[in-house]
PDB file of N, CA and C in Angstrom:
ATOM      1  N   MET A   1      -8.961  13.857  -1.696  1.00  0.00           N
ATOM      2  CA  MET A   1      -9.055  12.856  -2.743  1.00  0.00           C
ATOM      3  C   MET A   1      -7.873  13.025  -3.693  1.00  0.00           C
ATOM      4  N   VAL A   2      -7.222  11.950  -4.010  1.00  0.00           N
ATOM      5  CA  VAL A   2      -6.096  11.955  -4.929  1.00  0.00           C
ATOM      6  C   VAL A   2      -6.625  11.890  -6.351  1.00  0.00           C
ATOM      7  N   SER A   3      -6.033  12.654  -7.249  1.00  0.00           N
ATOM      8  CA  SER A   3      -6.450  12.626  -8.645  1.00  0.00           C
ATOM      9  C   SER A   3      -6.009  11.308  -9.278  1.00  0.00           C
ATOM     10  N   PRO A   4      -6.943  10.521  -9.815  1.00  0.00           N
ATOM     11  CA  PRO A   4      -6.554   9.240 -10.423  1.00  0.00           C
ATOM     12  C   PRO A   4      -5.834   9.432 -11.744  1.00  0.00           C
ATOM     13  N   HIS A   5      -4.918   8.528 -12.019  1.00  0.00           N
ATOM     14  CA  HIS A   5      -4.225   8.484 -13.302  1.00  0.00           C
ATOM     15  C   HIS A   5      -5.007   7.522 -14.178  1.00  0.00           C
ATOM     16  N   LEU A   6      -5.565   8.020 -15.266  1.00  0.00           N
ATOM     17  CA  LEU A   6      -6.363   7.163 -16.134  1.00  0.00           C
ATOM     18  C   LEU A   6      -5.498   6.146 -16.853  1.00  0.00           C
ATOM     19  N   LEU A   7      -6.021   4.961 -16.990  1.00  0.00           N
ATOM     20  CA  LEU A   7      -5.330   3.902 -17.709  1.00  0.00           C
ATOM     21  C   LEU A   7      -5.700   3.982 -19.184  1.00  0.00           C
ATOM     22  N   PRO A   8      -4.918   3.341 -20.045  1.00  0.00           N
ATOM     23  CA  PRO A   8      -5.239   3.337 -21.483  1.00  0.00           C
ATOM     24  C   PRO A   8      -6.642   2.788 -21.736  1.00  0.00           C
ATOM     25  N   GLU A   9      -7.059   2.860 -22.966  1.00  0.00           N
ATOM     26  CA  GLU A   9      -8.385   2.380 -23.368  1.00  0.00           C
ATOM     27  C   GLU A   9      -8.630   0.951 -22.880  1.00  0.00           C
ATOM     28  N   PRO A  10      -9.874   0.631 -22.539  1.00  0.00           N
ATOM     29  CA  PRO A  10     -10.196  -0.740 -22.132  1.00  0.00           C
ATOM     30  C   PRO A  10      -9.828  -1.747 -23.223  1.00  0.00           C
ATOM     31  N   ALA A  11      -9.446  -2.934 -22.814  1.00  0.00           N
ATOM     32  CA  ALA A  11      -9.113  -3.999 -23.759  1.00  0.00           C
ATOM     33  C   ALA A  11     -10.380  -4.753 -24.129  1.00  0.00           C
ATOM     34  N   ILE A  12     -10.451  -5.201 -25.351  1.00  0.00           N
ATOM     35  CA  ILE A  12     -11.565  -6.033 -25.798  1.00  0.00           C
ATOM     36  C   ILE A  12     -11.018  -7.439 -25.971  1.00  0.00           C
ATOM     37  N   VAL A  13     -11.635  -8.382 -25.273  1.00  0.00           N
ATOM     38  CA  VAL A  13     -11.152  -9.758 -25.253  1.00  0.00           C
ATOM     39  C   VAL A  13     -12.237 -10.679 -25.797  1.00  0.00           C
ATOM     40  N   ALA A  14     -11.852 -11.572 -26.693  1.00  0.00           N
ATOM     41  CA  ALA A  14     -12.792 -12.563 -27.213  1.00  0.00           C
ATOM     42  C   ALA A  14     -12.880 -13.701 -26.202  1.00  0.00           C
ATOM     43  N   CYS A  15     -14.074 -13.936 -25.707  1.00  0.00           N
ATOM     44  CA  CYS A  15     -14.306 -14.990 -24.721  1.00  0.00           C
ATOM     45  C   CYS A  15     -15.460 -15.835 -25.245  1.00  0.00           C
ATOM     46  N   ARG A  16     -15.137 -17.025 -25.656  1.00  0.00           N
ATOM     47  CA  ARG A  16     -16.109 -17.885 -26.340  1.00  0.00           C
ATOM     48  C   ARG A  16     -16.564 -17.172 -27.601  1.00  0.00           C
ATOM     49  N   ALA A  17     -17.837 -16.979 -27.803  1.00  0.00           N
ATOM     50  CA  ALA A  17     -18.319 -16.308 -29.014  1.00  0.00           C
ATOM     51  C   ALA A  17     -18.595 -14.825 -28.759  1.00  0.00           C
ATOM     52  N   ASP A  18     -18.437 -14.384 -27.518  1.00  0.00           N
ATOM     53  CA  ASP A  18     -18.746 -13.009 -27.145  1.00  0.00           C
ATOM     54  C   ASP A  18     -17.476 -12.181 -27.002  1.00  0.00           C
ATOM     55  N   LEU A  19     -17.621 -10.871 -27.161  1.00  0.00           N
ATOM     56  CA  LEU A  19     -16.528  -9.955 -26.878  1.00  0.00           C
ATOM     57  C   LEU A  19     -16.758  -9.349 -25.499  1.00  0.00           C
ATOM     58  N   GLN A  20     -15.724  -9.308 -24.684  1.00  0.00           N
ATOM     59  CA  GLN A  20     -15.820  -8.773 -23.331  1.00  0.00           C
ATOM     60  C   GLN A  20     -14.956  -7.530 -23.210  1.00  0.00           C
ATOM     61  N   LEU A  21     -15.442  -6.516 -22.525  1.00  0.00           N
ATOM     62  CA  LEU A  21     -14.690  -5.300 -22.252  1.00  0.00           C
ATOM     63  C   LEU A  21     -13.981  -5.476 -20.912  1.00  0.00           C
ATOM     64  N   VAL A  22     -12.660  -5.287 -20.906  1.00  0.00           N
ATOM     65  CA  VAL A  22     -11.869  -5.487 -19.687  1.00  0.00           C
ATOM     66  C   VAL A  22     -11.209  -4.171 -19.296  1.00  0.00           C
ATOM     67  N   THR A  23     -11.390  -3.762 -18.031  1.00  0.00           N
ATOM     68  CA  THR A  23     -10.741  -2.566 -17.501  1.00  0.00           C
ATOM     69  C   THR A  23     -10.010  -2.946 -16.219  1.00  0.00           C
ATOM     70  N   ALA A  24      -9.213  -2.014 -15.694  1.00  0.00           N
ATOM     71  CA  ALA A  24      -8.467  -2.279 -14.458  1.00  0.00           C
ATOM     72  C   ALA A  24      -8.636  -1.119 -13.495  1.00  0.00           C
ATOM     73  N   SER A  25      -8.741  -1.447 -12.215  1.00  0.00           N
ATOM     74  CA  SER A  25      -8.735  -0.468 -11.141  1.00  0.00           C
ATOM     75  C   SER A  25      -7.577  -0.859 -10.226  1.00  0.00           C
ATOM     76  N   VAL A  26      -6.648   0.080  -9.977  1.00  0.00           N
ATOM     77  CA  VAL A  26      -5.433  -0.237  -9.236  1.00  0.00           C
ATOM     78  C   VAL A  26      -5.263   0.732  -8.077  1.00  0.00           C
ATOM     79  N   GLY A  27      -5.035   0.195  -6.887  1.00  0.00           N
ATOM     80  CA  GLY A  27      -4.703   0.989  -5.709  1.00  0.00           C
ATOM     81  C   GLY A  27      -3.275   0.668  -5.304  1.00  0.00           C
ATOM     82  N   VAL A  28      -2.437   1.698  -5.155  1.00  0.00           N
ATOM     83  CA  VAL A  28      -1.012   1.510  -4.881  1.00  0.00           C
ATOM     84  C   VAL A  28      -0.636   2.237  -3.594  1.00  0.00           C
ATOM     85  N   ALA A  29       0.241   1.623  -2.801  1.00  0.00           N
ATOM     86  CA  ALA A  29       0.775   2.269  -1.604  1.00  0.00           C
ATOM     87  C   ALA A  29       2.250   1.903  -1.488  1.00  0.00           C
ATOM     88  N   PRO A  30       3.128   2.892  -1.291  1.00  0.00           N
ATOM     89  CA  PRO A  30       4.562   2.590  -1.154  1.00  0.00           C
ATOM     90  C   PRO A  30       4.869   2.006   0.223  1.00  0.00           C
ATOM     91  N   PHE A  31       5.815   1.084   0.275  1.00  0.00           N
ATOM     92  CA  PHE A  31       6.237   0.462   1.538  1.00  0.00           C
ATOM     93  C   PHE A  31       7.563   1.076   1.954  1.00  0.00           C
ATOM     94  N   ALA A  32       7.581   1.708   3.107  1.00  0.00           N
ATOM     95  CA  ALA A  32       8.803   2.347   3.616  1.00  0.00           C
ATOM     96  C   ALA A  32       9.841   1.281   3.990  1.00  0.00           C
ATOM     97  N   PRO A  33      11.119   1.515   3.662  1.00  0.00           N
ATOM     98  CA  PRO A  33      12.149   0.524   3.978  1.00  0.00           C
ATOM     99  C   PRO A  33      12.270   0.234   5.481  1.00  0.00           C
ATOM    100  N   ASP A  34      11.921   1.208   6.326  1.00  0.00           N
ATOM    101  CA  ASP A  34      12.041   1.012   7.768  1.00  0.00           C
ATOM    102  C   ASP A  34      10.724   0.593   8.429  1.00  0.00           C
ATOM    103  N   ALA A  35       9.691   0.306   7.633  1.00  0.00           N
ATOM    104  CA  ALA A  35       8.397  -0.096   8.188  1.00  0.00           C
ATOM    105  C   ALA A  35       8.500  -1.468   8.843  1.00  0.00           C
ATOM    106  N   THR A  36       7.749  -1.652   9.916  1.00  0.00           N
ATOM    107  CA  THR A  36       7.774  -2.924  10.640  1.00  0.00           C
ATOM    108  C   THR A  36       6.436  -3.658  10.593  1.00  0.00           C
ATOM    109  N   ASP A  37       5.413  -3.006  10.026  1.00  0.00           N
ATOM    110  CA  ASP A  37       4.073  -3.590  10.003  1.00  0.00           C
ATOM    111  C   ASP A  37       3.449  -3.389   8.619  1.00  0.00           C
ATOM    112  N   SER A  38       2.871  -4.428   8.060  1.00  0.00           N
ATOM    113  CA  SER A  38       2.277  -4.330   6.729  1.00  0.00           C
ATOM    114  C   SER A  38       0.829  -3.845   6.758  1.00  0.00           C
ATOM    115  N   GLU A  39       0.192  -3.824   7.915  1.00  0.00           N
ATOM    116  CA  GLU A  39      -1.219  -3.436   7.985  1.00  0.00           C
ATOM    117  C   GLU A  39      -1.490  -2.024   7.460  1.00  0.00           C
ATOM    118  N   PRO A  40      -0.690  -0.993   7.840  1.00  0.00           N
ATOM    119  CA  PRO A  40      -0.942   0.341   7.274  1.00  0.00           C
ATOM    120  C   PRO A  40      -0.781   0.370   5.749  1.00  0.00           C
ATOM    121  N   LEU A  41       0.156  -0.393   5.234  1.00  0.00           N
ATOM    122  CA  LEU A  41       0.370  -0.481   3.787  1.00  0.00           C
ATOM    123  C   LEU A  41      -0.864  -1.063   3.098  1.00  0.00           C
ATOM    124  N   LEU A  42      -1.361  -2.169   3.621  1.00  0.00           N
ATOM    125  CA  LEU A  42      -2.544  -2.808   3.036  1.00  0.00           C
ATOM    126  C   LEU A  42      -3.769  -1.910   3.152  1.00  0.00           C
ATOM    127  N   ALA A  43      -3.922  -1.219   4.269  1.00  0.00           N
ATOM    128  CA  ALA A  43      -5.063  -0.318   4.444  1.00  0.00           C
ATOM    129  C   ALA A  43      -5.001   0.834   3.445  1.00  0.00           C
ATOM    130  N   ALA A  44      -3.811   1.397   3.213  1.00  0.00           N
ATOM    131  CA  ALA A  44      -3.658   2.499   2.261  1.00  0.00           C
ATOM    132  C   ALA A  44      -3.936   2.032   0.834  1.00  0.00           C
ATOM    133  N   ALA A  45      -3.429   0.868   0.459  1.00  0.00           N
ATOM    134  CA  ALA A  45      -3.668   0.340  -0.889  1.00  0.00           C
ATOM    135  C   ALA A  45      -5.148   0.029  -1.088  1.00  0.00           C
ATOM    136  N   ASP A  46      -5.793  -0.517  -0.073  1.00  0.00           N
ATOM    137  CA  ASP A  46      -7.218  -0.821  -0.149  1.00  0.00           C
ATOM    138  C   ASP A  46      -8.040   0.457  -0.283  1.00  0.00           C
ATOM    139  N   ALA A  47      -7.694   1.487   0.501  1.00  0.00           N
ATOM    140  CA  ALA A  47      -8.401   2.769   0.410  1.00  0.00           C
ATOM    141  C   ALA A  47      -8.226   3.379  -0.982  1.00  0.00           C
ATOM    142  N   ALA A  48      -7.028   3.289  -1.534  1.00  0.00           N
ATOM    143  CA  ALA A  48      -6.766   3.823  -2.875  1.00  0.00           C
ATOM    144  C   ALA A  48      -7.586   3.069  -3.919  1.00  0.00           C
ATOM    145  N   LEU A  49      -7.659   1.755  -3.795  1.00  0.00           N
ATOM    146  CA  LEU A  49      -8.431   0.945  -4.739  1.00  0.00           C
ATOM    147  C   LEU A  49      -9.900   1.341  -4.723  1.00  0.00           C
ATOM    148  N   TYR A  50     -10.483   1.482  -3.540  1.00  0.00           N
ATOM    149  CA  TYR A  50     -11.898   1.831  -3.470  1.00  0.00           C
ATOM    150  C   TYR A  50     -12.156   3.269  -3.893  1.00  0.00           C
ATOM    151  N   GLU A  51     -11.166   4.137  -3.740  1.00  0.00           N
ATOM    152  CA  GLU A  51     -11.282   5.500  -4.266  1.00  0.00           C
ATOM    153  C   GLU A  51     -11.398   5.465  -5.788  1.00  0.00           C
ATOM    154  N   VAL A  52     -10.585   4.637  -6.420  1.00  0.00           N
ATOM    155  CA  VAL A  52     -10.651   4.471  -7.875  1.00  0.00           C
ATOM    156  C   VAL A  52     -12.015   3.930  -8.283  1.00  0.00           C
ATOM    157  N   LYS A  53     -12.482   2.913  -7.598  1.00  0.00           N
ATOM    158  CA  LYS A  53     -13.766   2.303  -7.949  1.00  0.00           C
ATOM    159  C   LYS A  53     -14.917   3.292  -7.791  1.00  0.00           C
ATOM    160  N   ARG A  54     -14.896   4.101  -6.712  1.00  0.00           N
ATOM    161  CA  ARG A  54     -15.948   5.114  -6.515  1.00  0.00           C
ATOM    162  C   ARG A  54     -15.930   6.156  -7.630  1.00  0.00           C
ATOM    163  N   ALA A  55     -14.749   6.426  -8.188  1.00  0.00           N
ATOM    164  CA  ALA A  55     -14.611   7.430  -9.248  1.00  0.00           C
ATOM    165  C   ALA A  55     -14.947   6.859 -10.633  1.00  0.00           C
ATOM    166  N   GLY A  56     -15.315   5.596 -10.706  1.00  0.00           N
ATOM    167  CA  GLY A  56     -15.710   5.009 -11.980  1.00  0.00           C
ATOM    168  C   GLY A  56     -14.766   3.956 -12.511  1.00  0.00           C
ATOM    169  N   GLY A  57     -13.646   3.728 -11.844  1.00  0.00           N
ATOM    170  CA  GLY A  57     -12.729   2.668 -12.250  1.00  0.00           C
ATOM    171  C   GLY A  57     -11.848   3.036 -13.431  1.00  0.00           C
ATOM    172  N   ASN A  58     -11.126   2.031 -13.920  1.00  0.00           N
ATOM    173  CA  ASN A  58     -10.212   2.153 -15.049  1.00  0.00           C
ATOM    174  C   ASN A  58      -9.158   3.225 -14.809  1.00  0.00           C
ATOM    175  N   ALA A  59      -8.564   3.223 -13.610  1.00  0.00           N
ATOM    176  CA  ALA A  59      -7.546   4.203 -13.257  1.00  0.00           C
ATOM    177  C   ALA A  59      -6.644   3.621 -12.170  1.00  0.00           C
ATOM    178  N   CYS A  60      -5.643   4.403 -11.786  1.00  0.00           N
ATOM    179  CA  CYS A  60      -4.705   4.008 -10.732  1.00  0.00           C
ATOM    180  C   CYS A  60      -4.551   5.183  -9.772  1.00  0.00           C
ATOM    181  N   VAL A  61      -4.622   4.913  -8.465  1.00  0.00           N
ATOM    182  CA  VAL A  61      -4.437   5.932  -7.430  1.00  0.00           C
ATOM    183  C   VAL A  61      -3.388   5.418  -6.456  1.00  0.00           C
ATOM    184  N   SER A  62      -2.518   6.311  -6.014  1.00  0.00           N
ATOM    185  CA  SER A  62      -1.488   5.977  -5.030  1.00  0.00           C
ATOM    186  C   SER A  62      -1.781   6.735  -3.739  1.00  0.00           C
ATOM    187  N   ARG A  63      -1.632   6.060  -2.607  1.00  0.00           N
ATOM    188  CA  ARG A  63      -1.818   6.668  -1.285  1.00  0.00           C
ATOM    189  C   ARG A  63      -0.688   6.222  -0.383  1.00  0.00           C
ATOM    190  N   ALA A  64      -0.210   7.138   0.430  1.00  0.00           N
ATOM    191  CA  ALA A  64       0.823   6.812   1.415  1.00  0.00           C
ATOM    192  C   ALA A  64       0.167   6.275   2.674  1.00  0.00           C
ATOM    193  N   PRO A  65       0.765   5.266   3.310  1.00  0.00           N
ATOM    194  CA  PRO A  65       0.237   4.770   4.581  1.00  0.00           C
ATOM    195  C   PRO A  65       0.269   5.870   5.639  1.00  0.00           C
ATOM    196  N   GLU A  66      -0.694   5.845   6.546  1.00  0.00           N
ATOM    197  CA  GLU A  66      -0.718   6.853   7.628  1.00  0.00           C
ATOM    198  C   GLU A  66       0.135   6.424   8.783  1.00  0.00           C
TER     199      GLU A  66
END
């Protein structure tokens, strides 16, 4: 498991008459310059995103494609 990088405090947004708490969960994967297929990149970014969500969200995780 990759250690997530926590994002800054959640933003508070006024939506109609209510205040909404907004957070972000980000999964990142680097794309190699010599790569010929985007599927491993998308799979790595998706896995990183769900890792963040399982850990509670509001963070960013990076994973390298396999």
